[in-house]
């Protein structure tokens, strides 16, 4: 499993799959202006939707244009 490999690498001191602190800081310096711009320029036309929902209605309309649709499977009841 992937996590087992990562945990073993941590325990044996193999840092090849991990970012150094300076790399993490540089990555955040690159990403933060993007996140800040997104927060300042919230698009009212962007189809946002609540977490744990089925998504925006616009997603349904998008795939319906090609004759596709989502369907939900019934949940199995625990006896």
PDB file of N, CA and C in Angstrom:
ATOM      1  N   UNK A   1       0.830  -1.192   0.000  1.00  0.00           N
ATOM      2  CA  UNK A   1       0.000   0.000   0.000  1.00  0.00           C
ATOM      3  C   UNK A   1       0.871   1.250   0.000  1.00  0.00           C
ATOM      4  N   UNK A   2       0.344   2.322  -0.516  1.00  0.00           N
ATOM      5  CA  UNK A   2       1.114   3.564  -0.632  1.00  0.00           C
ATOM      6  C   UNK A   2       1.484   4.134   0.730  1.00  0.00           C
ATOM      7  N   UNK A   3       0.542   4.131   1.669  1.00  0.00           N
ATOM      8  CA  UNK A   3       0.836   4.697   2.982  1.00  0.00           C
ATOM      9  C   UNK A   3       1.868   3.873   3.724  1.00  0.00           C
ATOM     10  N   UNK A   4       1.834   2.576   3.546  1.00  0.00           N
ATOM     11  CA  UNK A   4       2.825   1.727   4.202  1.00  0.00           C
ATOM     12  C   UNK A   4       4.223   2.084   3.724  1.00  0.00           C
ATOM     13  N   UNK A   5       4.362   2.325   2.429  1.00  0.00           N
ATOM     14  CA  UNK A   5       5.657   2.710   1.869  1.00  0.00           C
ATOM     15  C   UNK A   5       6.117   4.040   2.450  1.00  0.00           C
ATOM     16  N   UNK A   6       5.208   5.015   2.508  1.00  0.00           N
ATOM     17  CA  UNK A   6       5.569   6.319   3.062  1.00  0.00           C
ATOM     18  C   UNK A   6       5.955   6.219   4.528  1.00  0.00           C
ATOM     19  N   UNK A   7       5.183   5.464   5.299  1.00  0.00           N
ATOM     20  CA  UNK A   7       5.498   5.312   6.718  1.00  0.00           C
ATOM     21  C   UNK A   7       6.841   4.627   6.916  1.00  0.00           C
ATOM     22  N   UNK A   8       7.118   3.616   6.121  1.00  0.00           N
ATOM     23  CA  UNK A   8       8.411   2.944   6.210  1.00  0.00           C
ATOM     24  C   UNK A   8       9.539   3.914   5.856  1.00  0.00           C
ATOM     25  N   UNK A   9       9.339   4.724   4.827  1.00  0.00           N
ATOM     26  CA  UNK A   9      10.349   5.714   4.455  1.00  0.00           C
ATOM     27  C   UNK A   9      10.604   6.697   5.592  1.00  0.00           C
ATOM     28  N   UNK A  10       9.539   7.137   6.257  1.00  0.00           N
ATOM     29  CA  UNK A  10       9.698   8.048   7.393  1.00  0.00           C
ATOM     30  C   UNK A  10      10.519   7.389   8.491  1.00  0.00           C
ATOM     31  N   UNK A  11      10.182   6.144   8.806  1.00  0.00           N
ATOM     32  CA  UNK A  11      10.867   5.448   9.899  1.00  0.00           C
ATOM     33  C   UNK A  11      12.323   5.138   9.581  1.00  0.00           C
ATOM     34  N   UNK A  12      12.639   4.956   8.302  1.00  0.00           N
ATOM     35  CA  UNK A  12      14.022   4.641   7.931  1.00  0.00           C
ATOM     36  C   UNK A  12      14.820   5.881   7.531  1.00  0.00           C
ATOM     37  N   UNK A  13      14.175   7.044   7.564  1.00  0.00           N
ATOM     38  CA  UNK A  13      14.876   8.287   7.264  1.00  0.00           C
ATOM     39  C   UNK A  13      15.007   8.611   5.790  1.00  0.00           C
ATOM     40  N   UNK A  14      14.279   7.911   4.931  1.00  0.00           N
ATOM     41  CA  UNK A  14      14.329   8.183   3.491  1.00  0.00           C
ATOM     42  C   UNK A  14      13.425   9.375   3.184  1.00  0.00           C
ATOM     43  N   UNK A  15      14.019  10.481   2.806  1.00  0.00           N
ATOM     44  CA  UNK A  15      13.259  11.711   2.576  1.00  0.00           C
ATOM     45  C   UNK A  15      12.995  11.994   1.102  1.00  0.00           C
ATOM     46  N   UNK A  16      13.265  11.059   0.229  1.00  0.00           N
ATOM     47  CA  UNK A  16      13.156  11.329  -1.205  1.00  0.00           C
ATOM     48  C   UNK A  16      11.730  11.608  -1.669  1.00  0.00           C
ATOM     49  N   UNK A  17      10.725  11.100  -0.967  1.00  0.00           N
ATOM     50  CA  UNK A  17       9.338  11.325  -1.376  1.00  0.00           C
ATOM     51  C   UNK A  17       8.690  12.507  -0.655  1.00  0.00           C
ATOM     52  N   UNK A  18       9.477  13.243   0.122  1.00  0.00           N
ATOM     53  CA  UNK A  18       8.932  14.335   0.912  1.00  0.00           C
ATOM     54  C   UNK A  18       9.576  15.649   0.503  1.00  0.00           C
ATOM     55  N   UNK A  19       8.799  16.725   0.637  1.00  0.00           N
ATOM     56  CA  UNK A  19       9.319  18.056   0.320  1.00  0.00           C
ATOM     57  C   UNK A  19      10.099  18.597   1.512  1.00  0.00           C
ATOM     58  N   UNK A  20      11.153  19.357   1.212  1.00  0.00           N
ATOM     59  CA  UNK A  20      11.894  20.049   2.260  1.00  0.00           C
ATOM     60  C   UNK A  20      11.085  21.264   2.701  1.00  0.00           C
ATOM     61  N   UNK A  21      11.413  21.807   3.863  1.00  0.00           N
ATOM     62  CA  UNK A  21      10.694  22.965   4.397  1.00  0.00           C
ATOM     63  C   UNK A  21      10.779  24.155   3.448  1.00  0.00           C
ATOM     64  N   UNK A  22      11.942  24.389   2.846  1.00  0.00           N
ATOM     65  CA  UNK A  22      12.070  25.526   1.938  1.00  0.00           C
ATOM     66  C   UNK A  22      11.218  25.339   0.682  1.00  0.00           C
ATOM     67  N   UNK A  23      11.036  24.099   0.249  1.00  0.00           N
ATOM     68  CA  UNK A  23      10.173  23.832  -0.908  1.00  0.00           C
ATOM     69  C   UNK A  23       8.707  24.101  -0.563  1.00  0.00           C
ATOM     70  N   UNK A  24       8.317  23.708   0.638  1.00  0.00           N
ATOM     71  CA  UNK A  24       6.936  23.950   1.081  1.00  0.00           C
ATOM     72  C   UNK A  24       6.671  25.451   1.157  1.00  0.00           C
ATOM     73  N   UNK A  25       7.616  26.202   1.727  1.00  0.00           N
ATOM     74  CA  UNK A  25       7.454  27.653   1.822  1.00  0.00           C
ATOM     75  C   UNK A  25       7.351  28.300   0.443  1.00  0.00           C
ATOM     76  N   UNK A  26       8.177  27.879  -0.493  1.00  0.00           N
ATOM     77  CA  UNK A  26       8.119  28.420  -1.854  1.00  0.00           C
ATOM     78  C   UNK A  26       6.791  28.080  -2.526  1.00  0.00           C
ATOM     79  N   UNK A  27       6.311  26.866  -2.300  1.00  0.00           N
ATOM     80  CA  UNK A  27       5.029  26.464  -2.889  1.00  0.00           C
ATOM     81  C   UNK A  27       3.902  27.346  -2.368  1.00  0.00           C
ATOM     82  N   UNK A  28       3.903  27.625  -1.050  1.00  0.00           N
ATOM     83  CA  UNK A  28       2.861  28.478  -0.490  1.00  0.00           C
ATOM     84  C   UNK A  28       2.976  29.908  -1.005  1.00  0.00           C
ATOM     85  N   UNK A  29       4.204  30.391  -1.211  1.00  0.00           N
ATOM     86  CA  UNK A  29       4.370  31.739  -1.763  1.00  0.00           C
ATOM     87  C   UNK A  29       3.824  31.823  -3.181  1.00  0.00           C
ATOM     88  N   UNK A  30       3.867  30.739  -3.895  1.00  0.00           N
ATOM     89  CA  UNK A  30       3.314  30.697  -5.244  1.00  0.00           C
ATOM     90  C   UNK A  30       1.786  30.611  -5.213  1.00  0.00           C
ATOM     91  N   UNK A  31       1.258  29.815  -4.307  1.00  0.00           N
ATOM     92  CA  UNK A  31      -0.180  29.532  -4.272  1.00  0.00           C
ATOM     93  C   UNK A  31      -0.998  30.616  -3.570  1.00  0.00           C
ATOM     94  N   UNK A  32      -0.460  31.237  -2.526  1.00  0.00           N
ATOM     95  CA  UNK A  32      -1.246  32.201  -1.750  1.00  0.00           C
ATOM     96  C   UNK A  32      -1.803  33.361  -2.576  1.00  0.00           C
ATOM     97  N   UNK A  33      -1.049  33.953  -3.501  1.00  0.00           N
ATOM     98  CA  UNK A  33      -1.658  35.014  -4.317  1.00  0.00           C
ATOM     99  C   UNK A  33      -2.849  34.516  -5.146  1.00  0.00           C
ATOM    100  N   UNK A  34      -2.784  33.284  -5.581  1.00  0.00           N
ATOM    101  CA  UNK A  34      -3.901  32.712  -6.340  1.00  0.00           C
ATOM    102  C   UNK A  34      -5.115  32.560  -5.439  1.00  0.00           C
ATOM    103  N   UNK A  35      -4.917  32.000  -4.253  1.00  0.00           N
ATOM    104  CA  UNK A  35      -6.029  31.825  -3.312  1.00  0.00           C
ATOM    105  C   UNK A  35      -6.622  33.169  -2.901  1.00  0.00           C
ATOM    106  N   UNK A  36      -5.768  34.146  -2.666  1.00  0.00           N
ATOM    107  CA  UNK A  36      -6.238  35.478  -2.289  1.00  0.00           C
ATOM    108  C   UNK A  36      -7.065  36.100  -3.409  1.00  0.00           C
ATOM    109  N   UNK A  37      -6.607  35.966  -4.638  1.00  0.00           N
ATOM    110  CA  UNK A  37      -7.354  36.508  -5.778  1.00  0.00           C
ATOM    111  C   UNK A  37      -8.707  35.828  -5.917  1.00  0.00           C
ATOM    112  N   UNK A  38      -8.749  34.520  -5.712  1.00  0.00           N
ATOM    113  CA  UNK A  38     -10.031  33.808  -5.792  1.00  0.00           C
ATOM    114  C   UNK A  38     -10.994  34.299  -4.724  1.00  0.00           C
ATOM    115  N   UNK A  39     -10.488  34.527  -3.514  1.00  0.00           N
ATOM    116  CA  UNK A  39     -11.352  34.989  -2.428  1.00  0.00           C
ATOM    117  C   UNK A  39     -11.881  36.392  -2.694  1.00  0.00           C
ATOM    118  N   UNK A  40     -11.070  37.242  -3.302  1.00  0.00           N
ATOM    119  CA  UNK A  40     -11.476  38.621  -3.572  1.00  0.00           C
ATOM    120  C   UNK A  40     -12.425  38.722  -4.754  1.00  0.00           C
ATOM    121  N   UNK A  41     -12.356  37.801  -5.682  1.00  0.00           N
ATOM    122  CA  UNK A  41     -13.136  37.870  -6.918  1.00  0.00           C
ATOM    123  C   UNK A  41     -14.087  36.689  -7.035  1.00  0.00           C
ATOM    124  N   UNK A  42     -14.981  36.583  -6.079  1.00  0.00           N
ATOM    125  CA  UNK A  42     -15.938  35.485  -6.107  1.00  0.00           C
ATOM    126  C   UNK A  42     -16.905  35.705  -7.268  1.00  0.00           C
ATOM    127  N   UNK A  43     -16.984  34.739  -8.147  1.00  0.00           N
ATOM    128  CA  UNK A  43     -17.869  34.838  -9.300  1.00  0.00           C
ATOM    129  C   UNK A  43     -19.275  34.408  -8.896  1.00  0.00           C
ATOM    130  N   UNK A  44     -20.225  35.281  -9.123  1.00  0.00           N
ATOM    131  CA  UNK A  44     -21.607  34.945  -8.796  1.00  0.00           C
ATOM    132  C   UNK A  44     -22.188  33.951  -9.788  1.00  0.00           C
ATOM    133  N   UNK A  45     -21.555  33.830 -10.951  1.00  0.00           N
ATOM    134  CA  UNK A  45     -22.067  32.901 -11.955  1.00  0.00           C
ATOM    135  C   UNK A  45     -21.411  31.529 -11.860  1.00  0.00           C
ATOM    136  N   UNK A  46     -20.381  31.405 -11.010  1.00  0.00           N
ATOM    137  CA  UNK A  46     -19.733  30.106 -10.855  1.00  0.00           C
ATOM    138  C   UNK A  46     -20.657  29.197 -10.056  1.00  0.00           C
ATOM    139  N   UNK A  47     -20.906  27.986 -10.545  1.00  0.00           N
ATOM    140  CA  UNK A  47     -21.881  27.116  -9.877  1.00  0.00           C
ATOM    141  C   UNK A  47     -21.326  26.460  -8.604  1.00  0.00           C
ATOM    142  N   UNK A  48     -21.218  27.253  -7.538  1.00  0.00           N
ATOM    143  CA  UNK A  48     -20.797  26.693  -6.256  1.00  0.00           C
ATOM    144  C   UNK A  48     -21.911  25.837  -5.683  1.00  0.00           C
ATOM    145  N   UNK A  49     -21.538  24.942  -4.799  1.00  0.00           N
ATOM    146  CA  UNK A  49     -22.529  24.076  -4.173  1.00  0.00           C
ATOM    147  C   UNK A  49     -22.019  23.638  -2.810  1.00  0.00           C
ATOM    148  N   UNK A  50     -22.932  23.281  -1.913  1.00  0.00           N
ATOM    149  CA  UNK A  50     -22.524  22.891  -0.564  1.00  0.00           C
ATOM    150  C   UNK A  50     -21.776  21.557  -0.555  1.00  0.00           C
ATOM    151  N   UNK A  51     -20.874  21.425   0.389  1.00  0.00           N
ATOM    152  CA  UNK A  51     -20.169  20.156   0.566  1.00  0.00           C
ATOM    153  C   UNK A  51     -21.176  19.060   0.888  1.00  0.00           C
ATOM    154  N   UNK A  52     -20.870  17.858   0.501  1.00  0.00           N
ATOM    155  CA  UNK A  52     -21.712  16.672   0.724  1.00  0.00           C
ATOM    156  C   UNK A  52     -23.032  16.723  -0.033  1.00  0.00           C
ATOM    157  N   UNK A  53     -23.110  17.575  -1.042  1.00  0.00           N
ATOM    158  CA  UNK A  53     -24.312  17.606  -1.871  1.00  0.00           C
ATOM    159  C   UNK A  53     -23.999  16.885  -3.176  1.00  0.00           C
ATOM    160  N   UNK A  54     -24.981  16.792  -4.046  1.00  0.00           N
ATOM    161  CA  UNK A  54     -24.792  16.128  -5.332  1.00  0.00           C
ATOM    162  C   UNK A  54     -24.209  17.061  -6.378  1.00  0.00           C
ATOM    163  N   UNK A  55     -23.893  18.278  -5.992  1.00  0.00           N
ATOM    164  CA  UNK A  55     -23.292  19.212  -6.937  1.00  0.00           C
ATOM    165  C   UNK A  55     -24.318  20.171  -7.505  1.00  0.00           C
ATOM    166  N   UNK A  56     -23.861  21.102  -8.327  1.00  0.00           N
ATOM    167  CA  UNK A  56     -24.768  22.116  -8.861  1.00  0.00           C
ATOM    168  C   UNK A  56     -25.667  21.550  -9.957  1.00  0.00           C
ATOM    169  N   UNK A  57     -26.811  22.176 -10.118  1.00  0.00           N
ATOM    170  CA  UNK A  57     -27.739  21.764 -11.179  1.00  0.00           C
ATOM    171  C   UNK A  57     -27.108  21.959 -12.551  1.00  0.00           C
ATOM    172  N   UNK A  58     -26.188  22.921 -12.658  1.00  0.00           N
ATOM    173  CA  UNK A  58     -25.514  23.168 -13.932  1.00  0.00           C
ATOM    174  C   UNK A  58     -24.740  21.941 -14.406  1.00  0.00           C
ATOM    175  N   UNK A  59     -24.270  21.124 -13.470  1.00  0.00           N
ATOM    176  CA  UNK A  59     -23.553  19.903 -13.851  1.00  0.00           C
ATOM    177  C   UNK A  59     -24.505  18.927 -14.536  1.00  0.00           C
ATOM    178  N   UNK A  60     -25.707  18.835 -14.023  1.00  0.00           N
ATOM    179  CA  UNK A  60     -26.720  17.977 -14.644  1.00  0.00           C
ATOM    180  C   UNK A  60     -27.035  18.468 -16.059  1.00  0.00           C
ATOM    181  N   UNK A  61     -27.195  19.779 -16.192  1.00  0.00           N
ATOM    182  CA  UNK A  61     -27.519  20.351 -17.503  1.00  0.00           C
ATOM    183  C   UNK A  61     -26.378  20.139 -18.494  1.00  0.00           C
ATOM    184  N   UNK A  62     -25.148  20.218 -18.016  1.00  0.00           N
ATOM    185  CA  UNK A  62     -23.993  20.051 -18.890  1.00  0.00           C
ATOM    186  C   UNK A  62     -23.963  18.668 -19.518  1.00  0.00           C
ATOM    187  N   UNK A  63     -24.146  17.640 -18.718  1.00  0.00           N
ATOM    188  CA  UNK A  63     -24.089  16.293 -19.285  1.00  0.00           C
ATOM    189  C   UNK A  63     -25.373  15.928 -20.020  1.00  0.00           C
ATOM    190  N   UNK A  64     -26.487  16.579 -19.653  1.00  0.00           N
ATOM    191  CA  UNK A  64     -27.752  16.300 -20.336  1.00  0.00           C
ATOM    192  C   UNK A  64     -27.711  16.742 -21.799  1.00  0.00           C
ATOM    193  N   UNK A  65     -26.876  17.732 -22.106  1.00  0.00           N
ATOM    194  CA  UNK A  65     -26.750  18.198 -23.490  1.00  0.00           C
ATOM    195  C   UNK A  65     -26.305  17.076 -24.419  1.00  0.00           C
ATOM    196  N   UNK A  66     -25.599  16.101 -23.891  1.00  0.00           N
ATOM    197  CA  UNK A  66     -25.115  14.979 -24.696  1.00  0.00           C
ATOM    198  C   UNK A  66     -25.950  13.723 -24.474  1.00  0.00           C
ATOM    199  N   UNK A  67     -27.065  13.882 -23.774  1.00  0.00           N
ATOM    200  CA  UNK A  67     -27.943  12.744 -23.541  1.00  0.00           C
ATOM    201  C   UNK A  67     -27.521  11.862 -22.376  1.00  0.00           C
ATOM    202  N   UNK A  68     -26.625  12.352 -21.539  1.00  0.00           N
ATOM    203  CA  UNK A  68     -26.174  11.580 -20.386  1.00  0.00           C
ATOM    204  C   UNK A  68     -26.836  12.091 -19.118  1.00  0.00           C
ATOM    205  N   UNK A  69     -26.797  11.284 -18.096  1.00  0.00           N
ATOM    206  CA  UNK A  69     -27.346  11.690 -16.808  1.00  0.00           C
ATOM    207  C   UNK A  69     -26.735  10.825 -15.716  1.00  0.00           C
ATOM    208  N   UNK A  70     -26.784  11.343 -14.506  1.00  0.00           N
ATOM    209  CA  UNK A  70     -26.334  10.590 -13.341  1.00  0.00           C
ATOM    210  C   UNK A  70     -27.522   9.841 -12.762  1.00  0.00           C
ATOM    211  N   UNK A  71     -27.251   8.734 -12.176  1.00  0.00           N
ATOM    212  CA  UNK A  71     -28.304   8.045 -11.446  1.00  0.00           C
ATOM    213  C   UNK A  71     -27.728   7.590 -10.122  1.00  0.00           C
ATOM    214  N   UNK A  72     -28.591   7.473  -9.126  1.00  0.00           N
ATOM    215  CA  UNK A  72     -28.133   7.068  -7.799  1.00  0.00           C
ATOM    216  C   UNK A  72     -28.520   5.620  -7.551  1.00  0.00           C
ATOM    217  N   UNK A  73     -27.637   4.935  -6.900  1.00  0.00           N
ATOM    218  CA  UNK A  73     -27.908   3.551  -6.529  1.00  0.00           C
ATOM    219  C   UNK A  73     -28.580   3.532  -5.169  1.00  0.00           C
ATOM    220  N   UNK A  74     -29.520   2.631  -4.970  1.00  0.00           N
ATOM    221  CA  UNK A  74     -30.159   2.564  -3.656  1.00  0.00           C
ATOM    222  C   UNK A  74     -29.147   2.107  -2.607  1.00  0.00           C
ATOM    223  N   UNK A  75     -29.267   2.677  -1.422  1.00  0.00           N
ATOM    224  CA  UNK A  75     -28.387   2.284  -0.333  1.00  0.00           C
ATOM    225  C   UNK A  75     -28.825   0.944   0.227  1.00  0.00           C
ATOM    226  N   UNK A  76     -27.862   0.123   0.562  1.00  0.00           N
ATOM    227  CA  UNK A  76     -28.159  -1.173   1.158  1.00  0.00           C
ATOM    228  C   UNK A  76     -28.477  -0.957   2.630  1.00  0.00           C
ATOM    229  N   UNK A  77     -29.608  -1.470   3.061  1.00  0.00           N
ATOM    230  CA  UNK A  77     -30.000  -1.328   4.457  1.00  0.00           C
ATOM    231  C   UNK A  77     -29.303  -2.393   5.287  1.00  0.00           C
ATOM    232  N   UNK A  78     -28.810  -1.953   6.443  1.00  0.00           N
ATOM    233  CA  UNK A  78     -28.197  -2.912   7.365  1.00  0.00           C
ATOM    234  C   UNK A  78     -29.290  -3.639   8.126  1.00  0.00           C
ATOM    235  N   UNK A  79     -29.202  -4.954   8.152  1.00  0.00           N
ATOM    236  CA  UNK A  79     -30.226  -5.726   8.869  1.00  0.00           C
ATOM    237  C   UNK A  79     -29.891  -5.843  10.335  1.00  0.00           C
TER     238      UNK A  79
END
